[in-house]
């Protein structure tokens, strides 16, 4: 594993081990901001809309499930006789504990770039906020697509590529915020967003000379 890959692995391992219930309850609360964001970015105005979409899905995969919060959301709105599989490379144990008791859910540790053929085929694959963190997003996407059943669908959400300085800033903030309770972390994020809007409102132009190492 490369140095950057090892760093990423530590980041996500620490994120979930230190905060196993991070945003779990909020994701299942349809009135919360984070739940509405998950639903609307996938084209659903309500949980009932998601339930209608999942009505004919018998096998569902949450690829890169983190602590299992979206797995639980899918389980809530999927048919009772559906089978839901959740996989994650760094947080499988955390997800397994959080999802204990959901009889139609299983959790496995797996790499999106590894051999996933033993998982079988799926009618719906959910993979969001994950692919861009892999060493080869295109290969990971093709790997998941190979698991789709005939007529199956894959829901993907990735971040826009960021400039190096933004990446460095995000890494710094992620390290500082990862140990905070969810609501406190969200308060800090809202303040950062307010700072960004304030700077944007300045309408200032900054001339930056070429910096070759960056």
N, C-alpha and C. Protein backbone atom coordinates (compact mmCIF):
# COMPACT_ATOMS: atom_id res chain seq x y z
N UNK A 1 0.84 -1.18 0.00
CA UNK A 1 0.00 0.00 0.00
C UNK A 1 0.88 1.24 0.00
N UNK A 2 0.53 2.25 -0.82
CA UNK A 2 1.31 3.47 -0.89
C UNK A 2 1.17 4.26 0.40
N UNK A 3 2.05 5.27 0.56
CA UNK A 3 1.98 6.10 1.77
C UNK A 3 0.65 6.83 1.84
N UNK A 4 0.17 7.35 0.68
CA UNK A 4 -1.11 8.05 0.67
C UNK A 4 -2.25 7.09 0.98
N UNK A 5 -2.14 5.84 0.45
CA UNK A 5 -3.17 4.85 0.73
C UNK A 5 -3.20 4.47 2.18
N UNK A 6 -2.03 4.32 2.78
CA UNK A 6 -1.96 3.99 4.20
C UNK A 6 -2.53 5.12 5.05
N UNK A 7 -2.27 6.36 4.64
CA UNK A 7 -2.80 7.51 5.36
C UNK A 7 -4.31 7.55 5.27
N UNK A 8 -4.84 7.27 4.08
CA UNK A 8 -6.29 7.24 3.90
C UNK A 8 -6.91 6.14 4.76
N UNK A 9 -6.26 4.98 4.80
CA UNK A 9 -6.78 3.87 5.60
C UNK A 9 -6.84 4.26 7.07
N UNK A 10 -5.79 4.91 7.56
CA UNK A 10 -5.78 5.34 8.97
C UNK A 10 -6.89 6.35 9.22
N UNK A 11 -7.08 7.27 8.26
CA UNK A 11 -8.10 8.30 8.42
C UNK A 11 -9.48 7.69 8.62
N UNK A 12 -9.85 6.75 7.75
CA UNK A 12 -11.19 6.17 7.83
C UNK A 12 -11.31 5.20 9.00
N UNK A 13 -10.24 4.48 9.30
CA UNK A 13 -10.28 3.59 10.45
C UNK A 13 -10.50 4.39 11.73
N UNK A 14 -9.77 5.50 11.86
CA UNK A 14 -9.93 6.36 13.04
C UNK A 14 -11.31 7.00 13.08
N UNK A 15 -11.78 7.44 11.91
CA UNK A 15 -13.08 8.12 11.84
C UNK A 15 -14.18 7.26 12.42
N UNK A 16 -14.24 6.00 12.02
CA UNK A 16 -15.34 5.15 12.45
C UNK A 16 -15.11 4.51 13.80
N UNK A 17 -13.86 4.19 14.13
CA UNK A 17 -13.60 3.58 15.43
C UNK A 17 -13.81 4.58 16.56
N UNK A 18 -13.48 5.84 16.31
CA UNK A 18 -13.66 6.88 17.33
C UNK A 18 -15.11 7.36 17.41
N UNK A 19 -15.83 7.24 16.30
CA UNK A 19 -17.20 7.74 16.25
C UNK A 19 -18.11 6.69 15.60
N UNK A 20 -18.30 5.55 16.25
CA UNK A 20 -19.07 4.46 15.63
C UNK A 20 -20.51 4.82 15.31
N UNK A 21 -21.08 5.77 16.03
CA UNK A 21 -22.48 6.13 15.79
C UNK A 21 -22.61 7.45 15.04
N UNK A 22 -21.54 7.92 14.41
CA UNK A 22 -21.54 9.22 13.74
C UNK A 22 -22.68 9.32 12.72
N UNK A 23 -23.57 10.27 12.93
CA UNK A 23 -24.68 10.60 12.03
C UNK A 23 -25.66 9.44 11.83
N UNK A 24 -25.57 8.40 12.65
CA UNK A 24 -26.44 7.24 12.46
C UNK A 24 -27.91 7.60 12.68
N UNK A 25 -28.21 8.16 13.83
CA UNK A 25 -29.60 8.51 14.13
C UNK A 25 -30.13 9.57 13.18
N UNK A 26 -29.26 10.55 12.83
CA UNK A 26 -29.70 11.62 11.93
C UNK A 26 -30.04 11.08 10.54
N UNK A 27 -29.29 10.07 10.09
CA UNK A 27 -29.56 9.49 8.77
C UNK A 27 -30.92 8.81 8.74
N UNK A 28 -31.34 8.26 9.86
CA UNK A 28 -32.63 7.57 9.93
C UNK A 28 -33.79 8.50 10.27
N UNK A 29 -33.49 9.76 10.58
CA UNK A 29 -34.51 10.74 10.90
C UNK A 29 -34.83 11.54 9.64
N UNK A 30 -35.96 11.24 9.03
CA UNK A 30 -36.29 11.86 7.74
C UNK A 30 -36.41 13.37 7.83
N UNK A 31 -36.56 13.91 9.02
CA UNK A 31 -36.67 15.35 9.19
C UNK A 31 -35.32 16.03 9.36
N UNK A 32 -34.26 15.23 9.44
CA UNK A 32 -32.93 15.83 9.65
C UNK A 32 -32.34 16.31 8.33
N UNK A 33 -31.42 17.24 8.46
CA UNK A 33 -30.76 17.80 7.27
C UNK A 33 -30.00 16.74 6.49
N UNK A 34 -29.29 15.87 7.20
CA UNK A 34 -28.46 14.89 6.52
C UNK A 34 -29.31 13.83 5.82
N UNK A 35 -30.43 13.44 6.41
CA UNK A 35 -31.32 12.47 5.78
C UNK A 35 -31.92 13.06 4.51
N UNK A 36 -32.37 14.30 4.59
CA UNK A 36 -32.95 14.96 3.41
C UNK A 36 -31.92 15.08 2.30
N UNK A 37 -30.67 15.35 2.68
CA UNK A 37 -29.60 15.47 1.68
C UNK A 37 -29.38 14.14 0.96
N UNK A 38 -29.34 13.06 1.70
CA UNK A 38 -29.14 11.74 1.10
C UNK A 38 -30.29 11.40 0.17
N UNK A 39 -31.51 11.65 0.61
CA UNK A 39 -32.68 11.32 -0.20
C UNK A 39 -32.74 12.18 -1.46
N UNK A 40 -32.59 13.50 -1.31
CA UNK A 40 -32.77 14.39 -2.45
C UNK A 40 -31.66 14.25 -3.48
N UNK A 41 -30.44 13.97 -3.06
CA UNK A 41 -29.38 13.82 -4.05
C UNK A 41 -29.56 12.56 -4.89
N UNK A 42 -30.41 11.64 -4.39
CA UNK A 42 -30.72 10.44 -5.15
C UNK A 42 -32.07 10.53 -5.85
N UNK A 43 -32.69 11.70 -5.78
CA UNK A 43 -33.91 11.93 -6.53
C UNK A 43 -35.20 11.63 -5.80
N UNK A 44 -35.15 11.52 -4.47
CA UNK A 44 -36.35 11.21 -3.69
C UNK A 44 -36.67 12.35 -2.74
N UNK A 45 -37.91 12.77 -2.74
CA UNK A 45 -38.30 13.86 -1.84
C UNK A 45 -38.64 13.34 -0.45
N UNK A 46 -38.99 12.05 -0.36
CA UNK A 46 -39.34 11.44 0.93
C UNK A 46 -38.83 10.01 0.99
N UNK A 47 -38.86 9.45 2.19
CA UNK A 47 -38.50 8.05 2.35
C UNK A 47 -39.47 7.14 1.62
N UNK A 48 -40.72 7.56 1.54
CA UNK A 48 -41.72 6.76 0.83
C UNK A 48 -41.35 6.63 -0.65
N UNK A 49 -40.76 7.71 -1.20
CA UNK A 49 -40.32 7.65 -2.59
C UNK A 49 -39.21 6.63 -2.78
N UNK A 50 -38.31 6.56 -1.81
CA UNK A 50 -37.25 5.55 -1.85
C UNK A 50 -37.85 4.15 -1.74
N UNK A 51 -38.85 4.00 -0.89
CA UNK A 51 -39.50 2.71 -0.71
C UNK A 51 -40.14 2.23 -2.01
N UNK A 52 -40.76 3.14 -2.75
CA UNK A 52 -41.37 2.78 -4.03
C UNK A 52 -40.29 2.30 -5.00
N UNK A 53 -39.15 2.99 -5.01
CA UNK A 53 -38.06 2.60 -5.91
C UNK A 53 -37.51 1.22 -5.55
N UNK A 54 -37.39 0.93 -4.26
CA UNK A 54 -36.79 -0.32 -3.80
C UNK A 54 -37.78 -1.49 -3.79
N UNK A 55 -39.03 -1.24 -4.13
CA UNK A 55 -40.08 -2.25 -3.98
C UNK A 55 -39.79 -3.55 -4.71
N UNK A 56 -39.10 -3.48 -5.85
CA UNK A 56 -38.83 -4.70 -6.61
C UNK A 56 -37.37 -5.13 -6.52
N UNK A 57 -36.62 -4.56 -5.57
CA UNK A 57 -35.21 -4.90 -5.41
C UNK A 57 -35.08 -5.99 -4.35
N UNK A 58 -34.59 -7.14 -4.77
CA UNK A 58 -34.48 -8.26 -3.84
C UNK A 58 -33.08 -8.41 -3.26
N UNK A 59 -32.06 -7.96 -3.98
CA UNK A 59 -30.69 -7.98 -3.43
C UNK A 59 -30.10 -6.60 -3.60
N UNK A 60 -29.64 -6.04 -2.48
CA UNK A 60 -29.13 -4.67 -2.44
C UNK A 60 -27.73 -4.68 -1.83
N UNK A 61 -26.80 -3.93 -2.43
CA UNK A 61 -25.44 -3.83 -1.92
C UNK A 61 -25.13 -2.40 -1.54
N UNK A 62 -24.67 -2.19 -0.31
CA UNK A 62 -24.14 -0.90 0.13
C UNK A 62 -22.63 -1.02 0.08
N UNK A 63 -22.02 -0.50 -0.96
CA UNK A 63 -20.59 -0.67 -1.21
C UNK A 63 -19.80 0.49 -0.62
N UNK A 64 -19.10 0.21 0.47
CA UNK A 64 -18.40 1.25 1.22
C UNK A 64 -19.34 1.81 2.26
N UNK A 65 -19.81 0.94 3.15
CA UNK A 65 -20.93 1.28 4.04
C UNK A 65 -20.54 2.13 5.25
N UNK A 66 -19.23 2.31 5.51
CA UNK A 66 -18.85 3.06 6.70
C UNK A 66 -19.40 2.41 7.95
N UNK A 67 -20.07 3.19 8.78
CA UNK A 67 -20.61 2.63 10.02
C UNK A 67 -21.99 2.00 9.85
N UNK A 68 -22.47 1.93 8.60
CA UNK A 68 -23.73 1.25 8.33
C UNK A 68 -24.96 2.12 8.38
N UNK A 69 -24.79 3.42 8.47
CA UNK A 69 -25.96 4.29 8.63
C UNK A 69 -26.88 4.27 7.40
N UNK A 70 -26.30 4.31 6.20
CA UNK A 70 -27.14 4.27 5.00
C UNK A 70 -27.66 2.85 4.77
N UNK A 71 -26.88 1.84 5.17
CA UNK A 71 -27.37 0.47 5.11
C UNK A 71 -28.68 0.36 5.89
N UNK A 72 -28.69 0.96 7.07
CA UNK A 72 -29.90 0.94 7.90
C UNK A 72 -31.04 1.69 7.24
N UNK A 73 -30.72 2.78 6.55
CA UNK A 73 -31.73 3.55 5.83
C UNK A 73 -32.33 2.71 4.70
N UNK A 74 -31.47 2.04 3.95
CA UNK A 74 -31.95 1.18 2.87
C UNK A 74 -32.81 0.04 3.42
N UNK A 75 -32.37 -0.53 4.54
CA UNK A 75 -33.11 -1.63 5.16
C UNK A 75 -34.50 -1.18 5.59
N UNK A 76 -34.60 0.04 6.07
CA UNK A 76 -35.89 0.55 6.55
C UNK A 76 -36.90 0.63 5.42
N UNK A 77 -36.46 1.00 4.22
CA UNK A 77 -37.40 1.24 3.13
C UNK A 77 -37.44 0.11 2.09
N UNK A 78 -36.56 -0.87 2.23
CA UNK A 78 -36.57 -2.00 1.29
C UNK A 78 -37.63 -3.03 1.70
N UNK A 79 -38.05 -3.90 0.79
CA UNK A 79 -39.02 -4.95 1.14
C UNK A 79 -38.47 -5.85 2.25
N UNK A 80 -39.35 -6.37 3.08
CA UNK A 80 -38.93 -7.19 4.20
C UNK A 80 -38.21 -8.46 3.76
N UNK A 81 -38.54 -8.94 2.57
CA UNK A 81 -37.91 -10.18 2.10
C UNK A 81 -36.66 -9.92 1.26
N UNK A 82 -36.18 -8.68 1.23
CA UNK A 82 -34.96 -8.37 0.48
C UNK A 82 -33.74 -8.80 1.28
N UNK A 83 -32.63 -8.96 0.58
CA UNK A 83 -31.35 -9.26 1.22
C UNK A 83 -30.42 -8.08 0.99
N UNK A 84 -29.89 -7.54 2.07
CA UNK A 84 -29.02 -6.37 1.97
C UNK A 84 -27.63 -6.75 2.45
N UNK A 85 -26.64 -6.50 1.60
CA UNK A 85 -25.24 -6.79 1.91
C UNK A 85 -24.49 -5.47 2.02
N UNK A 86 -23.72 -5.31 3.08
CA UNK A 86 -22.91 -4.11 3.27
C UNK A 86 -21.44 -4.51 3.32
N UNK A 87 -20.60 -3.79 2.59
CA UNK A 87 -19.16 -4.08 2.61
C UNK A 87 -18.38 -2.80 2.88
N UNK A 88 -17.27 -2.97 3.57
CA UNK A 88 -16.36 -1.85 3.80
C UNK A 88 -14.98 -2.42 4.11
N UNK A 89 -13.96 -1.69 3.70
CA UNK A 89 -12.60 -2.16 3.92
C UNK A 89 -12.10 -1.85 5.32
N UNK A 90 -12.56 -0.74 5.90
CA UNK A 90 -12.01 -0.27 7.16
C UNK A 90 -12.98 -0.26 8.33
N UNK A 91 -14.28 -0.35 8.07
CA UNK A 91 -15.24 -0.17 9.16
C UNK A 91 -16.26 -1.30 9.25
N UNK A 92 -15.93 -2.46 8.69
CA UNK A 92 -16.89 -3.57 8.68
C UNK A 92 -17.33 -3.96 10.10
N UNK A 93 -16.39 -4.01 11.03
CA UNK A 93 -16.74 -4.41 12.40
C UNK A 93 -17.66 -3.39 13.05
N UNK A 94 -17.39 -2.12 12.81
CA UNK A 94 -18.25 -1.06 13.37
C UNK A 94 -19.66 -1.20 12.80
N UNK A 95 -19.76 -1.37 11.48
CA UNK A 95 -21.07 -1.52 10.84
C UNK A 95 -21.79 -2.77 11.35
N UNK A 96 -21.04 -3.85 11.52
CA UNK A 96 -21.65 -5.10 11.98
C UNK A 96 -22.29 -4.91 13.36
N UNK A 97 -21.62 -4.19 14.23
CA UNK A 97 -22.18 -3.93 15.57
C UNK A 97 -23.41 -3.02 15.49
N UNK A 98 -23.32 -1.99 14.66
CA UNK A 98 -24.44 -1.05 14.54
C UNK A 98 -25.67 -1.69 13.92
N UNK A 99 -25.46 -2.70 13.06
CA UNK A 99 -26.57 -3.30 12.32
C UNK A 99 -27.02 -4.63 12.92
N UNK A 100 -26.44 -4.99 14.05
CA UNK A 100 -26.83 -6.24 14.70
C UNK A 100 -28.32 -6.24 14.99
N UNK A 101 -28.97 -7.36 14.70
CA UNK A 101 -30.40 -7.47 14.94
C UNK A 101 -31.24 -7.29 13.69
N UNK A 102 -30.65 -6.76 12.63
CA UNK A 102 -31.37 -6.65 11.37
C UNK A 102 -31.15 -7.95 10.60
N UNK A 103 -32.14 -8.82 10.61
CA UNK A 103 -31.95 -10.19 10.14
C UNK A 103 -31.68 -10.30 8.65
N UNK A 104 -32.10 -9.32 7.86
CA UNK A 104 -31.89 -9.41 6.42
C UNK A 104 -30.67 -8.61 5.96
N UNK A 105 -29.79 -8.26 6.91
CA UNK A 105 -28.58 -7.50 6.60
C UNK A 105 -27.34 -8.30 7.00
N UNK A 106 -26.36 -8.37 6.11
CA UNK A 106 -25.07 -8.98 6.43
C UNK A 106 -23.96 -8.00 6.09
N UNK A 107 -22.88 -8.06 6.86
CA UNK A 107 -21.76 -7.14 6.68
C UNK A 107 -20.48 -7.93 6.45
N UNK A 108 -19.71 -7.52 5.45
CA UNK A 108 -18.45 -8.19 5.16
C UNK A 108 -17.35 -7.16 4.96
N UNK A 109 -16.13 -7.53 5.30
CA UNK A 109 -14.98 -6.68 5.00
C UNK A 109 -14.53 -7.00 3.58
N UNK A 110 -14.46 -5.99 2.74
CA UNK A 110 -14.09 -6.22 1.35
C UNK A 110 -13.53 -4.94 0.74
N UNK A 111 -12.64 -5.13 -0.21
CA UNK A 111 -12.00 -4.03 -0.94
C UNK A 111 -12.72 -3.89 -2.27
N UNK A 112 -13.13 -2.68 -2.63
CA UNK A 112 -13.83 -2.47 -3.89
C UNK A 112 -12.95 -2.78 -5.09
N UNK A 113 -11.65 -2.86 -4.88
CA UNK A 113 -10.73 -3.20 -5.96
C UNK A 113 -10.37 -4.68 -5.95
N UNK A 114 -10.90 -5.42 -5.00
CA UNK A 114 -10.60 -6.84 -4.90
C UNK A 114 -11.62 -7.70 -5.64
N UNK A 115 -11.53 -8.99 -5.44
CA UNK A 115 -12.45 -9.94 -6.07
C UNK A 115 -13.76 -9.96 -5.27
N UNK A 116 -14.83 -9.46 -5.89
CA UNK A 116 -16.12 -9.38 -5.22
C UNK A 116 -17.12 -10.40 -5.77
N UNK A 117 -16.65 -11.28 -6.62
CA UNK A 117 -17.55 -12.19 -7.33
C UNK A 117 -18.35 -13.08 -6.39
N UNK A 118 -17.79 -13.42 -5.23
CA UNK A 118 -18.50 -14.30 -4.30
C UNK A 118 -19.73 -13.63 -3.69
N UNK A 119 -19.85 -12.32 -3.83
CA UNK A 119 -21.01 -11.62 -3.29
C UNK A 119 -22.27 -11.91 -4.11
N UNK A 120 -22.09 -12.33 -5.37
CA UNK A 120 -23.23 -12.58 -6.23
C UNK A 120 -23.69 -11.33 -6.95
N UNK A 121 -24.90 -11.37 -7.51
CA UNK A 121 -25.45 -10.26 -8.27
C UNK A 121 -26.46 -9.47 -7.44
N UNK A 122 -26.62 -8.20 -7.83
CA UNK A 122 -27.51 -7.31 -7.07
C UNK A 122 -28.42 -6.54 -8.01
N UNK A 123 -29.63 -6.29 -7.53
CA UNK A 123 -30.59 -5.48 -8.28
C UNK A 123 -30.30 -3.99 -8.12
N UNK A 124 -29.68 -3.64 -7.00
CA UNK A 124 -29.36 -2.24 -6.73
C UNK A 124 -28.07 -2.17 -5.93
N UNK A 125 -27.15 -1.33 -6.40
CA UNK A 125 -25.89 -1.10 -5.69
C UNK A 125 -25.79 0.38 -5.35
N UNK A 126 -25.59 0.67 -4.08
CA UNK A 126 -25.43 2.04 -3.59
C UNK A 126 -23.96 2.24 -3.24
N UNK A 127 -23.31 3.20 -3.89
CA UNK A 127 -21.89 3.48 -3.61
C UNK A 127 -21.68 4.98 -3.68
N UNK A 128 -21.72 5.62 -2.54
CA UNK A 128 -21.66 7.08 -2.53
C UNK A 128 -20.63 7.58 -1.51
N UNK A 129 -19.90 8.64 -1.94
CA UNK A 129 -18.82 9.23 -1.15
C UNK A 129 -17.69 8.21 -0.91
N UNK A 130 -17.47 7.31 -1.88
CA UNK A 130 -16.52 6.22 -1.69
C UNK A 130 -15.51 6.10 -2.82
N UNK A 131 -15.97 6.03 -4.07
CA UNK A 131 -15.10 5.70 -5.20
C UNK A 131 -13.89 6.60 -5.31
N UNK A 132 -14.05 7.89 -5.06
CA UNK A 132 -12.94 8.82 -5.22
C UNK A 132 -11.85 8.62 -4.16
N UNK A 133 -12.14 7.81 -3.14
CA UNK A 133 -11.13 7.51 -2.13
C UNK A 133 -10.32 6.25 -2.46
N UNK A 134 -10.69 5.55 -3.52
CA UNK A 134 -9.95 4.34 -3.89
C UNK A 134 -8.75 4.71 -4.75
N UNK A 135 -7.80 3.78 -4.86
CA UNK A 135 -6.60 4.03 -5.66
C UNK A 135 -6.91 4.10 -7.15
N UNK A 136 -7.99 3.45 -7.58
CA UNK A 136 -8.37 3.44 -9.00
C UNK A 136 -9.89 3.47 -9.09
N UNK A 137 -10.49 4.67 -9.06
CA UNK A 137 -11.95 4.78 -9.08
C UNK A 137 -12.60 4.12 -10.29
N UNK A 138 -11.97 4.22 -11.47
CA UNK A 138 -12.55 3.61 -12.66
C UNK A 138 -12.63 2.09 -12.52
N UNK A 139 -11.55 1.49 -12.03
CA UNK A 139 -11.53 0.04 -11.84
C UNK A 139 -12.55 -0.38 -10.79
N UNK A 140 -12.66 0.40 -9.71
CA UNK A 140 -13.64 0.08 -8.66
C UNK A 140 -15.06 0.16 -9.20
N UNK A 141 -15.33 1.18 -10.02
CA UNK A 141 -16.66 1.33 -10.61
C UNK A 141 -16.98 0.14 -11.52
N UNK A 142 -16.03 -0.25 -12.36
CA UNK A 142 -16.25 -1.39 -13.25
C UNK A 142 -16.42 -2.68 -12.47
N UNK A 143 -15.71 -2.80 -11.36
CA UNK A 143 -15.82 -3.98 -10.51
C UNK A 143 -17.23 -4.10 -9.95
N UNK A 144 -17.78 -2.98 -9.48
CA UNK A 144 -19.14 -2.98 -8.94
C UNK A 144 -20.17 -3.23 -10.05
N UNK A 145 -19.97 -2.60 -11.20
CA UNK A 145 -20.92 -2.76 -12.30
C UNK A 145 -21.03 -4.22 -12.73
N UNK A 146 -19.94 -4.96 -12.57
CA UNK A 146 -19.95 -6.37 -12.96
C UNK A 146 -20.86 -7.21 -12.06
N UNK A 147 -21.27 -6.65 -10.92
CA UNK A 147 -22.12 -7.38 -9.97
C UNK A 147 -23.60 -7.11 -10.20
N UNK A 148 -23.93 -6.24 -11.15
CA UNK A 148 -25.33 -5.91 -11.38
C UNK A 148 -26.05 -7.03 -12.11
N UNK A 149 -27.25 -7.32 -11.65
CA UNK A 149 -28.09 -8.27 -12.35
C UNK A 149 -28.67 -7.59 -13.59
N UNK A 150 -29.29 -8.34 -14.46
CA UNK A 150 -29.90 -7.76 -15.65
C UNK A 150 -30.95 -6.73 -15.25
N UNK A 151 -30.79 -5.50 -15.72
CA UNK A 151 -31.71 -4.44 -15.36
C UNK A 151 -31.39 -3.77 -14.04
N UNK A 152 -30.32 -4.22 -13.37
CA UNK A 152 -29.94 -3.63 -12.09
C UNK A 152 -29.40 -2.22 -12.25
N UNK A 153 -29.40 -1.47 -11.16
CA UNK A 153 -28.93 -0.08 -11.22
C UNK A 153 -27.90 0.19 -10.14
N UNK A 154 -26.98 1.10 -10.46
CA UNK A 154 -25.89 1.48 -9.58
C UNK A 154 -25.99 2.98 -9.30
N UNK A 155 -26.10 3.37 -8.03
CA UNK A 155 -26.20 4.77 -7.63
C UNK A 155 -24.85 5.23 -7.10
N UNK A 156 -24.22 6.17 -7.79
CA UNK A 156 -22.87 6.63 -7.45
C UNK A 156 -22.89 8.12 -7.14
N UNK A 157 -22.16 8.50 -6.11
CA UNK A 157 -21.98 9.92 -5.79
C UNK A 157 -20.50 10.12 -5.48
N UNK A 158 -19.86 11.04 -6.19
CA UNK A 158 -18.44 11.33 -5.94
C UNK A 158 -18.26 12.82 -5.80
N UNK A 159 -17.20 13.21 -5.11
CA UNK A 159 -16.88 14.62 -4.96
C UNK A 159 -16.17 15.13 -6.20
N UNK A 160 -16.32 16.40 -6.48
CA UNK A 160 -15.57 17.02 -7.56
C UNK A 160 -14.09 17.08 -7.18
N UNK A 161 -13.23 16.88 -8.18
CA UNK A 161 -11.79 16.94 -7.92
C UNK A 161 -11.41 18.30 -7.35
N UNK A 162 -10.63 18.28 -6.29
CA UNK A 162 -10.25 19.53 -5.61
C UNK A 162 -8.78 19.85 -5.85
N UNK A 163 -8.46 21.13 -5.75
CA UNK A 163 -7.07 21.56 -5.88
C UNK A 163 -6.28 21.08 -4.66
N UNK A 164 -4.94 20.92 -4.79
CA UNK A 164 -4.12 20.40 -3.67
C UNK A 164 -4.31 21.16 -2.36
N UNK A 165 -4.35 22.50 -2.43
CA UNK A 165 -4.49 23.27 -1.19
C UNK A 165 -5.80 22.94 -0.49
N UNK A 166 -6.87 22.74 -1.27
CA UNK A 166 -8.16 22.36 -0.68
C UNK A 166 -8.06 20.97 -0.05
N UNK A 167 -7.35 20.05 -0.73
CA UNK A 167 -7.18 18.71 -0.18
C UNK A 167 -6.44 18.76 1.16
N UNK A 168 -5.37 19.57 1.21
CA UNK A 168 -4.59 19.68 2.45
C UNK A 168 -5.46 20.26 3.56
N UNK A 169 -6.25 21.28 3.21
CA UNK A 169 -7.14 21.90 4.19
C UNK A 169 -8.17 20.91 4.71
N UNK A 170 -8.76 20.14 3.79
CA UNK A 170 -9.76 19.15 4.19
C UNK A 170 -9.17 18.09 5.11
N UNK A 171 -7.96 17.63 4.80
CA UNK A 171 -7.30 16.64 5.65
C UNK A 171 -7.10 17.18 7.06
N UNK A 172 -6.68 18.45 7.12
CA UNK A 172 -6.43 19.09 8.42
C UNK A 172 -7.73 19.19 9.22
N UNK A 173 -8.80 19.66 8.56
CA UNK A 173 -10.08 19.82 9.24
C UNK A 173 -10.67 18.47 9.65
N UNK A 174 -10.53 17.46 8.76
CA UNK A 174 -11.07 16.13 9.07
C UNK A 174 -10.42 15.57 10.33
N UNK A 175 -9.12 15.79 10.45
CA UNK A 175 -8.40 15.29 11.63
C UNK A 175 -8.91 15.98 12.89
N UNK A 176 -9.18 17.30 12.80
CA UNK A 176 -9.63 18.05 13.97
C UNK A 176 -11.08 17.74 14.34
N UNK A 177 -11.90 17.44 13.33
CA UNK A 177 -13.33 17.26 13.58
C UNK A 177 -13.71 15.82 13.91
N UNK A 178 -12.87 14.86 13.55
CA UNK A 178 -13.25 13.46 13.65
C UNK A 178 -13.56 13.01 15.07
N UNK A 179 -12.99 13.67 16.07
CA UNK A 179 -13.23 13.26 17.44
C UNK A 179 -14.37 13.99 18.13
N UNK A 180 -15.01 14.93 17.41
CA UNK A 180 -16.08 15.71 18.02
C UNK A 180 -17.43 15.01 17.92
N UNK A 181 -18.32 15.26 18.86
CA UNK A 181 -19.70 14.77 18.72
C UNK A 181 -20.32 15.35 17.45
N UNK A 182 -21.29 14.64 16.88
CA UNK A 182 -21.83 15.03 15.58
C UNK A 182 -22.33 16.47 15.56
N UNK A 183 -23.17 16.86 16.50
CA UNK A 183 -23.76 18.20 16.48
C UNK A 183 -22.69 19.27 16.61
N UNK A 184 -21.68 19.02 17.43
CA UNK A 184 -20.60 19.99 17.59
C UNK A 184 -19.81 20.12 16.30
N UNK A 185 -19.54 18.99 15.66
CA UNK A 185 -18.81 19.01 14.38
C UNK A 185 -19.61 19.76 13.32
N UNK A 186 -20.94 19.55 13.29
CA UNK A 186 -21.78 20.24 12.32
C UNK A 186 -21.79 21.75 12.57
N UNK A 187 -21.76 22.14 13.83
CA UNK A 187 -21.71 23.57 14.16
C UNK A 187 -20.43 24.19 13.62
N UNK A 188 -19.31 23.50 13.79
CA UNK A 188 -18.04 24.00 13.25
C UNK A 188 -18.12 24.09 11.73
N UNK A 189 -18.69 23.08 11.09
CA UNK A 189 -18.81 23.07 9.63
C UNK A 189 -19.68 24.23 9.14
N UNK A 190 -20.75 24.51 9.86
CA UNK A 190 -21.61 25.64 9.47
C UNK A 190 -20.86 26.96 9.59
N UNK A 191 -20.03 27.08 10.63
CA UNK A 191 -19.24 28.29 10.79
C UNK A 191 -18.21 28.43 9.67
N UNK A 192 -17.62 27.31 9.26
CA UNK A 192 -16.66 27.34 8.16
C UNK A 192 -17.36 27.74 6.86
N UNK A 193 -18.59 27.20 6.66
CA UNK A 193 -19.35 27.58 5.47
C UNK A 193 -19.68 29.06 5.48
N UNK A 194 -20.01 29.61 6.65
CA UNK A 194 -20.30 31.03 6.77
C UNK A 194 -19.05 31.87 6.45
N UNK A 195 -17.90 31.39 6.90
CA UNK A 195 -16.64 32.07 6.56
C UNK A 195 -16.43 32.08 5.05
N UNK A 196 -16.70 30.93 4.41
CA UNK A 196 -16.54 30.85 2.97
C UNK A 196 -17.45 31.81 2.23
N UNK A 197 -18.71 31.91 2.68
CA UNK A 197 -19.63 32.85 2.05
C UNK A 197 -19.17 34.29 2.24
N UNK A 198 -18.64 34.59 3.44
CA UNK A 198 -18.15 35.94 3.70
C UNK A 198 -16.99 36.31 2.80
N UNK A 199 -16.08 35.37 2.61
CA UNK A 199 -14.94 35.63 1.72
C UNK A 199 -15.40 35.78 0.28
N UNK A 200 -16.38 34.96 -0.12
CA UNK A 200 -16.90 35.05 -1.48
C UNK A 200 -17.58 36.39 -1.73
N UNK A 201 -18.26 36.90 -0.71
CA UNK A 201 -18.98 38.17 -0.86
C UNK A 201 -18.04 39.35 -1.03
N UNK A 202 -16.76 39.18 -0.71
CA UNK A 202 -15.80 40.27 -0.86
C UNK A 202 -15.57 40.62 -2.33
N UNK A 203 -15.85 39.66 -3.21
CA UNK A 203 -15.68 39.88 -4.65
C UNK A 203 -14.26 40.34 -4.98
N UNK A 204 -13.31 39.83 -4.24
CA UNK A 204 -11.91 40.25 -4.44
C UNK A 204 -11.21 39.34 -5.43
N UNK A 205 -10.22 39.90 -6.14
CA UNK A 205 -9.40 39.12 -7.06
C UNK A 205 -7.99 39.04 -6.51
N UNK A 206 -7.49 37.83 -6.37
CA UNK A 206 -6.14 37.61 -5.86
C UNK A 206 -5.27 37.05 -6.99
N UNK A 207 -4.17 37.72 -7.28
CA UNK A 207 -3.27 37.24 -8.32
C UNK A 207 -2.21 36.35 -7.68
N UNK A 208 -2.13 35.12 -8.15
CA UNK A 208 -1.21 34.14 -7.58
C UNK A 208 -0.15 33.78 -8.62
N UNK A 209 1.13 33.95 -8.27
CA UNK A 209 2.19 33.58 -9.22
C UNK A 209 2.27 32.06 -9.36
N UNK A 210 2.86 31.61 -10.43
CA UNK A 210 3.03 30.18 -10.64
C UNK A 210 3.91 29.59 -9.55
N UNK A 211 3.44 28.51 -8.93
CA UNK A 211 4.20 27.81 -7.88
C UNK A 211 4.36 26.39 -8.35
N UNK A 212 5.45 26.12 -9.02
CA UNK A 212 5.64 24.86 -9.73
C UNK A 212 5.46 23.61 -8.85
N UNK A 213 5.99 23.58 -7.61
CA UNK A 213 5.84 22.36 -6.79
C UNK A 213 4.39 21.99 -6.53
N UNK A 214 3.48 22.97 -6.62
CA UNK A 214 2.06 22.71 -6.37
C UNK A 214 1.29 22.47 -7.66
